N, C-alpha and C. Protein backbone atom coordinates (compact mmCIF):
# COMPACT_ATOMS: atom_id res chain seq x y z
N MET A 1 24.00 85.34 4.49
CA MET A 1 23.55 86.51 4.90
C MET A 1 22.66 87.41 4.17
N GLN A 2 23.42 86.69 2.77
CA GLN A 2 22.08 87.35 1.49
C GLN A 2 20.57 86.80 1.98
N ARG A 3 20.70 85.50 2.24
CA ARG A 3 19.14 85.13 3.07
C ARG A 3 18.80 85.62 3.38
N PHE A 4 19.29 86.20 4.67
CA PHE A 4 18.57 87.08 5.47
C PHE A 4 18.07 88.58 5.10
N ILE A 5 18.79 89.05 4.39
CA ILE A 5 18.41 90.00 3.47
C ILE A 5 17.67 90.18 3.06
N ARG A 6 16.98 89.11 2.00
CA ARG A 6 16.07 88.75 0.99
C ARG A 6 14.82 88.64 2.24
N ALA A 7 15.10 87.67 2.97
CA ALA A 7 13.85 87.53 4.10
C ALA A 7 13.53 88.99 4.86
N GLY A 8 14.04 89.80 5.19
CA GLY A 8 14.37 91.19 5.88
C GLY A 8 13.46 91.79 4.73
N LEU A 9 13.34 92.19 3.87
CA LEU A 9 13.07 92.68 2.87
C LEU A 9 11.57 92.06 2.24
N PHE A 10 11.32 90.59 2.11
CA PHE A 10 10.38 90.00 2.16
C PHE A 10 8.87 90.65 3.45
N ILE A 11 9.69 90.41 4.64
CA ILE A 11 8.93 90.93 5.73
C ILE A 11 8.46 92.28 5.92
N ALA A 12 9.62 93.26 5.82
CA ALA A 12 9.19 94.69 4.96
C ALA A 12 8.10 94.80 4.08
N GLY A 13 8.33 94.32 3.03
CA GLY A 13 7.23 94.15 2.19
C GLY A 13 5.65 94.24 2.58
N ILE A 14 5.60 92.66 3.49
CA ILE A 14 4.69 92.33 3.71
C ILE A 14 3.60 93.49 4.68
N VAL A 15 4.57 93.81 5.45
CA VAL A 15 3.92 95.18 6.94
C VAL A 15 3.85 96.09 5.91
N SER A 16 4.46 96.56 4.90
CA SER A 16 4.19 97.82 4.25
C SER A 16 2.62 97.68 3.56
N ILE A 17 2.70 96.27 3.06
CA ILE A 17 1.27 95.98 2.21
C ILE A 17 0.01 96.42 3.12
N ILE A 18 0.51 95.56 4.61
CA ILE A 18 -0.61 95.71 5.38
C ILE A 18 -1.00 96.79 5.86
N SER A 19 0.14 97.68 6.04
CA SER A 19 -0.14 98.82 6.56
C SER A 19 -0.75 99.98 5.86
N ALA A 20 -0.93 99.51 4.37
CA ALA A 20 -1.46 100.41 3.31
C ALA A 20 -3.10 100.08 3.08
N LEU A 21 -3.04 98.59 3.81
CA LEU A 21 -4.43 98.23 3.79
C LEU A 21 -5.08 98.83 4.79
N VAL A 22 -4.67 98.84 6.13
CA VAL A 22 -5.09 99.10 7.05
C VAL A 22 -5.70 100.84 6.80
N ARG A 23 -4.70 101.23 6.42
CA ARG A 23 -4.99 103.23 6.38
C ARG A 23 -6.15 102.93 5.39
N ARG A 24 -6.19 101.91 4.79
CA ARG A 24 -7.44 102.33 3.29
C ARG A 24 -8.78 101.77 3.70
N VAL A 25 -8.69 101.02 4.45
CA VAL A 25 -9.62 100.15 5.16
C VAL A 25 -10.25 100.83 6.19
N GLY A 26 -9.32 101.19 7.32
CA GLY A 26 -9.53 101.77 8.58
C GLY A 26 -10.81 102.99 8.30
N PRO A 27 -10.69 103.79 7.58
CA PRO A 27 -12.01 104.51 7.47
C PRO A 27 -12.98 104.05 7.52
N ARG A 28 -13.27 103.05 6.43
CA ARG A 28 -14.50 102.55 5.90
C ARG A 28 -14.83 101.85 7.24
N VAL A 29 -14.21 100.77 7.76
CA VAL A 29 -14.53 100.17 8.78
C VAL A 29 -15.57 101.18 9.89
N GLN A 30 -14.73 102.19 10.34
CA GLN A 30 -15.28 102.97 11.24
C GLN A 30 -16.37 103.88 10.80
N GLU A 31 -16.53 103.97 9.97
CA GLU A 31 -17.86 104.48 9.37
C GLU A 31 -19.20 103.30 9.44
N TYR A 32 -18.59 102.18 8.92
CA TYR A 32 -19.37 100.92 8.99
C TYR A 32 -19.96 100.85 10.59
N THR A 33 -18.64 101.09 11.10
CA THR A 33 -19.47 101.05 12.70
C THR A 33 -20.07 102.23 13.12
N THR A 34 -19.91 103.53 12.90
CA THR A 34 -20.79 104.19 13.44
C THR A 34 -22.54 104.22 12.83
N ALA A 35 -22.08 103.88 11.61
CA ALA A 35 -23.65 103.38 10.93
C ALA A 35 -24.31 102.09 11.18
N SER A 36 -23.70 101.38 11.83
CA SER A 36 -24.08 99.75 12.19
C SER A 36 -24.80 100.54 13.89
N GLN A 37 -23.76 101.14 14.47
CA GLN A 37 -24.53 101.44 16.07
C GLN A 37 -25.67 102.56 16.11
N GLU A 38 -25.58 103.26 14.58
CA GLU A 38 -26.94 104.57 14.86
C GLU A 38 -28.30 103.36 14.06
N PHE A 39 -27.94 102.87 13.23
CA PHE A 39 -29.54 101.74 12.94
C PHE A 39 -29.87 100.94 13.97
N TRP A 40 -29.13 100.49 14.94
CA TRP A 40 -29.72 99.77 15.73
C TRP A 40 -29.85 100.53 17.13
N ALA A 41 -29.72 102.01 17.01
CA ALA A 41 -30.19 102.66 18.26
C ALA A 41 -31.49 103.07 17.47
N ASP A 42 -31.49 103.08 16.38
CA ASP A 42 -32.96 103.96 15.92
C ASP A 42 -34.10 103.18 16.60
N PRO A 43 -34.90 103.70 17.12
CA PRO A 43 -36.59 103.18 17.90
C PRO A 43 -37.04 102.30 16.69
N LYS A 44 -37.41 103.07 15.50
CA LYS A 44 -38.04 102.20 14.47
C LYS A 44 -37.72 100.86 14.37
N VAL A 45 -36.21 100.64 14.56
CA VAL A 45 -35.35 99.30 14.21
C VAL A 45 -35.86 98.91 15.63
N ALA A 46 -35.80 99.38 16.57
CA ALA A 46 -35.66 98.52 18.00
C ALA A 46 -37.46 97.94 17.85
N ARG A 47 -38.02 98.86 17.91
CA ARG A 47 -39.59 98.29 17.63
C ARG A 47 -39.54 97.17 16.87
N ALA A 48 -38.98 97.30 15.33
CA ALA A 48 -39.32 96.36 14.55
C ALA A 48 -38.95 94.63 15.20
N ARG A 49 -37.39 95.08 15.55
CA ARG A 49 -36.93 93.76 16.21
C ARG A 49 -37.76 93.48 17.45
N GLN A 50 -38.21 93.80 18.21
CA GLN A 50 -38.81 93.42 18.92
C GLN A 50 -40.55 92.73 18.54
N GLN A 51 -40.83 93.32 17.26
CA GLN A 51 -42.20 92.57 16.93
C GLN A 51 -41.67 91.25 16.07
N ALA A 52 -40.30 91.47 15.60
CA ALA A 52 -39.90 90.06 15.21
C ALA A 52 -39.66 89.02 16.18
N TRP A 53 -39.45 89.27 17.21
CA TRP A 53 -39.07 88.49 18.45
C TRP A 53 -40.43 87.76 18.99
N ALA A 54 -41.70 88.77 18.94
CA ALA A 54 -43.16 88.14 19.35
C ALA A 54 -43.22 87.62 18.51
N HIS A 55 -43.03 88.03 16.99
CA HIS A 55 -43.71 86.94 15.78
C HIS A 55 -42.85 85.23 16.12
N ALA A 56 -41.50 85.46 16.32
CA ALA A 56 -40.85 84.12 16.11
C ALA A 56 -41.34 83.56 17.66
N GLN A 57 -41.32 84.24 18.63
CA GLN A 57 -42.06 83.64 20.10
C GLN A 57 -43.58 83.13 19.70
N ARG A 58 -44.41 83.74 19.06
CA ARG A 58 -45.55 82.99 18.56
C ARG A 58 -45.54 81.85 17.92
N MET A 59 -44.65 81.94 16.72
CA MET A 59 -44.21 80.65 15.98
C MET A 59 -43.77 79.73 16.39
N ALA A 60 -42.95 79.92 17.73
CA ALA A 60 -41.90 78.57 17.92
C ALA A 60 -43.10 77.84 19.40
N GLN A 61 -44.04 78.97 19.82
CA GLN A 61 -44.97 77.89 20.73
C GLN A 61 -45.82 77.20 19.30
N ALA A 62 -46.47 77.67 18.46
CA ALA A 62 -47.36 76.99 17.48
C ALA A 62 -46.59 76.19 17.08
N LYS A 63 -45.38 76.07 16.58
CA LYS A 63 -44.77 75.14 15.97
C LYS A 63 -43.94 74.02 16.77
N GLY A 64 -42.86 74.63 16.95
CA GLY A 64 -41.78 74.21 18.04
C GLY A 64 -42.16 73.48 19.44
N GLY A 65 -43.20 74.16 19.97
CA GLY A 65 -43.49 73.54 21.16
C GLY A 65 -42.75 74.53 22.68
N PRO A 66 -42.97 74.02 23.49
CA PRO A 66 -42.32 74.80 24.81
C PRO A 66 -40.75 75.07 24.82
N LYS A 67 -40.32 74.39 24.49
CA LYS A 67 -38.76 74.32 24.85
C LYS A 67 -38.03 75.43 23.93
N VAL A 68 -38.51 75.36 22.45
CA VAL A 68 -38.13 76.65 21.50
C VAL A 68 -38.80 77.95 21.84
N ALA A 69 -39.92 77.90 22.59
CA ALA A 69 -40.51 79.34 23.15
C ALA A 69 -39.67 79.75 24.19
N GLU A 70 -39.25 78.41 24.94
CA GLU A 70 -38.57 79.07 26.06
C GLU A 70 -37.00 79.79 25.46
N TYR A 71 -36.56 79.19 24.92
CA TYR A 71 -35.67 79.31 23.99
C TYR A 71 -35.44 81.02 23.86
N ALA A 72 -36.20 80.80 22.70
CA ALA A 72 -36.63 82.77 22.38
C ALA A 72 -36.90 83.66 23.46
N THR A 73 -37.69 83.25 24.26
CA THR A 73 -38.02 84.08 25.44
C THR A 73 -36.48 84.65 26.68
N ALA A 74 -35.84 83.19 26.50
CA ALA A 74 -34.43 83.79 27.12
C ALA A 74 -33.64 84.61 26.44
N THR A 75 -33.15 84.19 25.03
CA THR A 75 -32.58 84.93 24.05
C THR A 75 -33.17 86.71 24.06
N GLN A 76 -34.47 86.43 23.79
CA GLN A 76 -34.88 87.84 24.16
C GLN A 76 -34.42 89.04 25.24
N GLU A 77 -34.78 88.06 26.35
CA GLU A 77 -34.72 88.58 27.64
C GLU A 77 -33.20 88.68 27.83
N PHE A 78 -32.28 88.01 27.35
CA PHE A 78 -30.75 88.45 27.38
C PHE A 78 -30.53 89.43 26.76
N TRP A 79 -31.03 89.68 25.58
CA TRP A 79 -30.45 91.00 24.55
C TRP A 79 -31.32 92.46 25.24
N ALA A 80 -32.17 92.35 25.96
CA ALA A 80 -32.93 93.49 26.65
C ALA A 80 -32.42 93.59 27.79
N ASN A 81 -31.55 92.79 28.46
CA ASN A 81 -31.35 93.08 29.84
C ASN A 81 -30.35 94.38 29.35
N PRO A 82 -30.52 95.09 30.64
CA PRO A 82 -29.32 96.55 30.86
C PRO A 82 -27.90 96.51 30.82
N LYS A 83 -27.92 95.35 31.48
CA LYS A 83 -26.15 95.26 31.86
C LYS A 83 -25.83 94.77 29.83
N VAL A 84 -26.08 93.59 29.44
CA VAL A 84 -25.94 93.49 28.31
C VAL A 84 -26.29 94.66 27.32
N VAL A 85 -27.08 95.43 27.20
CA VAL A 85 -27.13 96.82 26.00
C VAL A 85 -26.03 97.61 26.71
N LYS A 86 -25.60 97.64 28.23
CA LYS A 86 -24.38 98.57 28.21
C LYS A 86 -22.72 97.82 27.67
N ALA A 87 -23.07 96.75 28.20
CA ALA A 87 -21.91 96.15 27.97
C ALA A 87 -21.32 96.24 26.29
N ARG A 88 -22.69 96.12 25.37
CA ARG A 88 -22.56 96.09 23.59
C ARG A 88 -22.34 97.55 23.42
N ARG A 89 -22.89 98.34 24.32
CA ARG A 89 -22.54 99.76 23.85
C ARG A 89 -21.07 100.36 24.05
N GLN A 90 -20.49 99.71 25.12
CA GLN A 90 -19.15 100.07 25.30
C GLN A 90 -18.42 99.32 24.85
N ALA A 91 -18.80 98.00 23.97
CA ALA A 91 -17.90 97.28 22.82
C ALA A 91 -17.78 98.09 21.95
N TRP A 92 -19.13 98.85 21.62
CA TRP A 92 -19.08 99.92 20.56
C TRP A 92 -18.07 100.96 20.41
N GLU A 93 -18.30 101.42 21.85
CA GLU A 93 -17.20 103.17 21.89
C GLU A 93 -15.98 102.68 21.90
N HIS A 94 -15.67 101.24 22.53
CA HIS A 94 -14.13 100.76 22.59
C HIS A 94 -13.89 100.63 21.21
N ALA A 95 -14.32 100.13 20.20
CA ALA A 95 -13.93 99.56 18.71
C ALA A 95 -13.86 101.27 18.34
N ARG A 96 -14.77 102.12 18.13
CA ARG A 96 -14.79 103.09 17.53
C ARG A 96 -13.19 103.90 17.98
N ARG A 97 -12.80 103.97 19.49
CA ARG A 97 -11.96 104.50 20.00
C ARG A 97 -10.41 104.04 19.25
N MET A 98 -10.78 102.78 19.41
CA MET A 98 -9.50 101.90 18.74
C MET A 98 -9.08 102.41 17.24
N LEU A 99 -10.12 102.78 16.94
CA LEU A 99 -10.12 102.51 15.04
C LEU A 99 -9.74 104.42 14.90
N ARG A 100 -10.38 105.38 15.66
CA ARG A 100 -9.86 106.95 15.62
C ARG A 100 -7.89 106.61 15.77
N GLU A 101 -7.96 105.86 17.02
CA GLU A 101 -6.47 106.03 17.52
C GLU A 101 -5.69 105.30 16.38
N GLN A 102 -6.20 104.41 16.00
CA GLN A 102 -5.12 103.68 14.86
C GLN A 102 -5.06 104.80 13.62
N ALA A 103 -6.05 105.46 12.91
CA ALA A 103 -6.10 106.31 12.18
C ALA A 103 -5.40 107.55 12.33
N ALA A 104 -5.29 107.87 13.67
CA ALA A 104 -4.60 108.86 14.14
C ALA A 104 -3.25 108.70 13.64
N ARG A 105 -2.61 107.54 14.42
CA ARG A 105 -1.04 106.77 14.15
C ARG A 105 -0.47 106.81 13.04
N SER A 106 -1.78 106.12 12.00
CA SER A 106 -1.36 106.17 10.72
C SER A 106 -1.14 107.58 9.77
N GLY A 107 -1.89 108.68 10.29
CA GLY A 107 -1.85 109.63 9.52
C GLY A 107 -0.40 110.05 10.00
N ARG A 108 0.03 109.65 11.13
CA ARG A 108 1.67 110.61 11.46
C ARG A 108 2.43 110.33 11.03
N SER A 109 2.26 108.51 10.49
CA SER A 109 3.60 108.01 9.92
C SER A 109 3.43 107.91 8.59
């Protein structure tokens, strides 16, 4: 019986430590998520990313041959696909929503 009580207290301690970490780290994760999303949505960053892709493609054609260039083009087209952009945006919004809900729940307890 005493073993069960010790095990229960041990588990309760672990749960309390984890919940404290979530309460402490949760807002920082949310801030990072928001800042990261704003960073990648910045037109200057998008332009720089396109220039980097173009440079990588030129380098691939010069050094790696057509297969590497095809891969670079396919990768660039994939990330530029409006459906992929929309799905990525929805994933970001979902992550932010979940963090807000988690913060609201931990604020109540």
